[in-house]
N, C-alpha and C. Protein backbone atom coordinates (compact mmCIF):
# COMPACT_ATOMS: atom_id res chain seq x y z
N UNK A 1 183.42 40.90 101.28
CA UNK A 1 183.61 41.08 99.69
C UNK A 1 183.75 39.51 99.56
N UNK A 2 183.13 39.14 98.11
CA UNK A 2 183.37 37.99 97.50
C UNK A 2 183.70 37.80 96.41
N UNK A 3 184.32 38.41 95.69
CA UNK A 3 185.81 37.99 94.81
C UNK A 3 186.81 38.44 95.59
N UNK A 4 187.74 36.75 95.48
CA UNK A 4 189.22 36.79 96.17
C UNK A 4 189.98 37.93 95.60
N UNK A 5 190.60 38.39 96.39
CA UNK A 5 191.36 39.40 95.92
C UNK A 5 192.13 38.98 95.00
N UNK A 6 192.87 40.01 94.00
CA UNK A 6 193.61 39.70 92.83
C UNK A 6 192.75 38.86 91.53
N UNK A 7 191.80 38.27 92.28
CA UNK A 7 190.98 37.11 90.99
C UNK A 7 189.63 37.75 90.83
N UNK A 8 189.79 37.31 89.67
CA UNK A 8 187.96 37.68 89.43
C UNK A 8 187.80 36.27 88.09
N UNK A 9 186.64 36.86 87.45
CA UNK A 9 186.27 36.08 86.35
C UNK A 9 186.64 36.29 85.13
N UNK A 10 187.41 35.36 84.39
CA UNK A 10 187.87 35.51 83.13
C UNK A 10 186.93 36.75 82.31
N UNK A 11 187.46 37.63 81.84
CA UNK A 11 186.16 38.29 80.92
C UNK A 11 185.54 39.29 81.70
N UNK A 12 185.56 39.47 82.74
CA UNK A 12 184.60 40.28 83.57
C UNK A 12 185.53 41.54 84.54
N UNK A 13 184.92 42.59 84.14
CA UNK A 13 186.09 43.80 85.29
C UNK A 13 185.63 43.38 86.76
N UNK A 14 186.81 43.87 87.67
CA UNK A 14 186.52 43.62 89.08
C UNK A 14 185.53 43.88 89.38
N UNK A 15 184.97 43.75 90.53
CA UNK A 15 183.96 44.16 91.43
C UNK A 15 182.18 44.28 90.48
N UNK A 16 182.30 43.39 89.74
CA UNK A 16 180.83 43.22 89.20
C UNK A 16 180.22 42.11 89.93
N UNK A 17 180.49 41.10 90.79
CA UNK A 17 180.08 40.00 91.55
C UNK A 17 179.30 40.28 93.01
N UNK A 18 179.68 41.04 93.29
CA UNK A 18 179.09 41.79 94.00
C UNK A 18 177.70 42.46 94.59
N UNK A 19 177.70 43.46 93.08
CA UNK A 19 176.09 44.24 92.95
C UNK A 19 175.39 43.13 92.25
N UNK A 20 175.72 42.10 91.61
CA UNK A 20 174.83 40.88 91.27
C UNK A 20 174.18 40.56 92.54
N UNK A 21 175.03 40.42 93.40
CA UNK A 21 174.43 39.46 94.86
C UNK A 21 173.42 40.11 95.45
N UNK A 22 173.66 41.40 95.52
CA UNK A 22 173.32 42.86 96.00
C UNK A 22 171.66 42.48 95.21
N UNK A 23 171.86 42.94 93.80
CA UNK A 23 170.77 43.01 93.17
C UNK A 23 169.60 41.58 93.61
N UNK A 24 170.50 39.96 93.34
CA UNK A 24 169.60 39.34 93.79
C UNK A 24 169.04 39.52 95.63
N UNK A 25 169.68 39.36 96.19
CA UNK A 25 169.61 39.58 97.24
C UNK A 25 168.18 40.50 97.94
N UNK A 26 168.25 41.40 96.94
CA UNK A 26 166.67 42.46 97.23
C UNK A 26 165.74 42.11 96.72
N UNK A 27 165.51 41.15 95.84
CA UNK A 27 164.30 40.44 95.49
C UNK A 27 163.87 39.69 96.04
N UNK A 28 162.70 39.56 96.28
CA UNK A 28 161.85 38.30 96.93
C UNK A 28 161.27 37.15 95.94
N UNK A 29 161.29 37.51 94.56
CA UNK A 29 161.20 36.26 93.41
C UNK A 29 162.66 36.26 92.94
N UNK A 30 162.67 35.52 92.16
CA UNK A 30 163.75 35.12 90.89
C UNK A 30 163.84 36.35 90.10
N UNK A 31 164.85 36.61 89.82
CA UNK A 31 165.05 37.87 88.46
C UNK A 31 165.57 37.39 87.51
N UNK A 32 164.84 37.71 86.39
CA UNK A 32 165.59 37.27 85.12
C UNK A 32 166.61 37.95 84.34
N UNK A 33 167.23 37.19 83.76
CA UNK A 33 168.67 37.71 83.35
C UNK A 33 168.76 39.23 82.64
N UNK A 34 167.48 39.53 81.96
CA UNK A 34 167.36 40.48 80.92
C UNK A 34 167.44 41.96 82.17
N UNK A 35 166.67 41.91 83.29
CA UNK A 35 166.04 42.41 84.39
C UNK A 35 167.31 42.78 84.97
N UNK A 36 168.01 41.67 85.52
CA UNK A 36 169.35 41.79 86.08
C UNK A 36 170.40 43.01 85.59
N UNK A 37 170.62 42.79 84.15
CA UNK A 37 171.50 43.32 83.03
C UNK A 37 170.89 44.75 83.19
N UNK A 38 169.47 44.92 82.67
CA UNK A 38 169.39 46.74 82.99
C UNK A 38 169.30 47.29 84.37
N UNK A 39 169.07 46.40 85.68
CA UNK A 39 169.65 47.12 86.89
C UNK A 39 170.92 47.24 86.98
N UNK A 40 172.04 46.64 86.37
CA UNK A 40 173.17 46.61 86.70
C UNK A 40 173.68 48.18 85.69
N UNK A 41 173.14 48.04 84.75
CA UNK A 41 173.29 49.28 83.84
C UNK A 41 172.66 50.70 84.50
N UNK A 42 171.48 50.25 85.27
CA UNK A 42 170.86 51.50 86.03
C UNK A 42 172.00 52.00 87.29
N UNK A 43 172.49 50.84 87.53
CA UNK A 43 173.70 51.32 89.02
C UNK A 43 174.83 51.74 88.57
N UNK A 44 175.30 52.37 86.69
CA UNK A 44 176.21 52.43 86.29
C UNK A 44 177.73 51.41 85.96
N UNK A 45 176.57 49.96 85.96
CA UNK A 45 177.91 48.69 85.69
C UNK A 45 177.63 48.47 84.13
N UNK A 46 178.42 48.77 83.21
CA UNK A 46 178.35 48.88 81.56
C UNK A 46 178.81 46.86 81.48
N UNK A 47 178.01 46.17 81.21
CA UNK A 47 178.01 44.77 81.55
C UNK A 47 177.38 44.18 80.06
N UNK A 48 178.06 42.85 79.18
CA UNK A 48 177.06 42.38 78.08
C UNK A 48 176.32 41.39 78.70
N UNK A 49 175.27 40.92 78.28
CA UNK A 49 174.62 39.86 78.61
C UNK A 49 175.30 38.33 79.15
N UNK A 50 176.09 38.65 77.87
CA UNK A 50 177.42 36.96 77.99
C UNK A 50 178.23 37.39 79.59
N UNK A 51 178.60 39.06 79.91
CA UNK A 51 179.13 39.25 80.84
C UNK A 51 178.07 38.72 82.12
N UNK A 52 177.19 38.96 82.46
CA UNK A 52 176.10 38.90 83.27
C UNK A 52 175.85 36.94 83.30
N UNK A 53 175.73 36.28 82.23
CA UNK A 53 175.22 35.03 82.14
C UNK A 53 176.89 34.20 82.89
N UNK A 54 178.37 34.92 82.67
CA UNK A 54 179.33 34.24 82.94
C UNK A 54 179.36 34.57 84.83
N UNK A 55 179.30 35.48 85.38
CA UNK A 55 178.81 35.70 86.88
C UNK A 55 177.94 34.53 87.53
N UNK A 56 176.36 34.76 86.51
CA UNK A 56 175.44 33.92 86.92
C UNK A 56 176.39 32.63 87.31
N UNK A 57 176.97 31.84 86.03
CA UNK A 57 177.24 30.30 85.85
C UNK A 57 178.48 30.52 86.82
N UNK A 58 179.49 31.68 87.48
CA UNK A 58 180.54 31.42 88.87
C UNK A 58 179.65 31.20 89.80
N UNK A 59 178.43 32.29 90.10
CA UNK A 59 177.86 31.70 91.12
C UNK A 59 177.12 30.52 91.58
N UNK A 60 176.37 30.24 90.28
CA UNK A 60 175.85 29.02 90.56
C UNK A 60 176.64 27.43 90.57
N UNK A 61 177.78 27.94 90.35
CA UNK A 61 179.10 26.66 90.03
C UNK A 61 179.77 26.59 91.86
N UNK A 62 179.49 27.96 91.84
CA UNK A 62 180.12 28.03 93.80
C UNK A 62 178.74 27.66 94.54
N UNK A 63 177.43 27.59 94.47
CA UNK A 63 176.41 27.03 95.20
C UNK A 63 175.83 28.26 95.69
N UNK A 64 176.18 29.41 95.46
CA UNK A 64 175.75 31.00 95.61
C UNK A 64 174.27 30.87 94.81
N UNK A 65 174.02 30.78 93.96
CA UNK A 65 172.45 30.85 93.62
C UNK A 65 171.72 29.15 92.53
N UNK A 66 170.33 29.83 92.41
CA UNK A 66 169.64 28.52 91.87
C UNK A 66 168.84 29.14 91.07
N UNK A 67 168.94 28.42 89.85
CA UNK A 67 168.09 28.88 88.57
C UNK A 67 167.08 28.15 88.27
N UNK A 68 166.21 28.67 88.34
CA UNK A 68 164.90 28.11 87.78
C UNK A 68 163.93 28.64 86.22
N UNK A 69 162.95 28.12 85.72
CA UNK A 69 162.46 28.86 85.11
C UNK A 69 161.95 30.20 85.02
N UNK A 70 162.06 30.51 85.91
CA UNK A 70 161.50 32.05 86.44
C UNK A 70 162.52 32.78 86.61
N UNK A 71 163.86 32.75 86.57
CA UNK A 71 165.03 33.14 86.51
C UNK A 71 165.89 32.83 87.38
N UNK A 72 166.85 33.60 88.61
CA UNK A 72 167.57 33.23 89.20
C UNK A 72 167.76 34.13 90.62
N UNK A 73 167.67 33.23 91.63
CA UNK A 73 167.80 33.92 93.03
C UNK A 73 168.40 33.30 93.59
N UNK A 74 169.23 34.21 94.67
CA UNK A 74 170.47 33.66 95.60
C UNK A 74 169.82 32.06 96.58
N UNK A 75 170.49 31.15 96.25
CA UNK A 75 170.23 30.17 97.49
C UNK A 75 169.96 30.47 98.96
N UNK A 76 168.73 30.36 99.37
CA UNK A 76 168.89 30.62 100.91
C UNK A 76 169.80 30.03 101.93
N UNK A 77 170.25 30.10 102.92
CA UNK A 77 171.10 29.91 103.93
C UNK A 77 170.54 28.46 104.14
N UNK A 78 171.14 27.46 104.30
CA UNK A 78 171.20 26.10 105.33
C UNK A 78 170.47 25.24 103.73
N UNK A 79 170.09 25.78 102.80
CA UNK A 79 169.43 25.17 101.77
C UNK A 79 170.97 24.40 101.03
N UNK A 80 170.80 23.10 100.93
CA UNK A 80 172.02 22.48 100.23
C UNK A 80 172.22 22.36 98.64
N UNK A 81 172.73 22.82 98.15
CA UNK A 81 172.95 22.41 96.42
C UNK A 81 172.57 21.19 95.84
N UNK A 82 172.01 21.03 94.76
CA UNK A 82 171.63 19.71 94.45
C UNK A 82 173.07 19.02 93.91
N UNK A 83 173.02 17.61 94.10
CA UNK A 83 174.21 16.79 93.69
C UNK A 83 174.32 17.13 92.55
N UNK A 84 175.80 17.27 91.90
CA UNK A 84 176.04 17.31 90.67
C UNK A 84 175.96 15.76 90.05
N UNK A 85 175.88 15.79 88.85
CA UNK A 85 176.00 14.35 87.69
C UNK A 85 177.20 14.53 87.56
N UNK A 86 177.55 13.14 87.28
CA UNK A 86 178.62 12.99 86.45
C UNK A 86 178.64 13.19 85.27
N UNK A 87 179.56 13.84 84.36
CA UNK A 87 179.67 14.02 83.05
C UNK A 87 180.30 12.64 81.91
């Protein structure tokens, strides 16, 4: 399970991170946010686009996903995250 027990993402119902990872993992190409939202709804998960954005931000910050102009994809195993820039 991806989500720590008893903890989730603020404003996101528990149990939505794993379906997002499953959808991204099943796609051979980057997935646009709107398509991800539609697929979650098709699977019975009601969530706003803002909620999808929070999940994707969480996954990106934890190094699980890569965002490209074409959409979001899972980071391949062994690919290291880009170094973070100091703010």
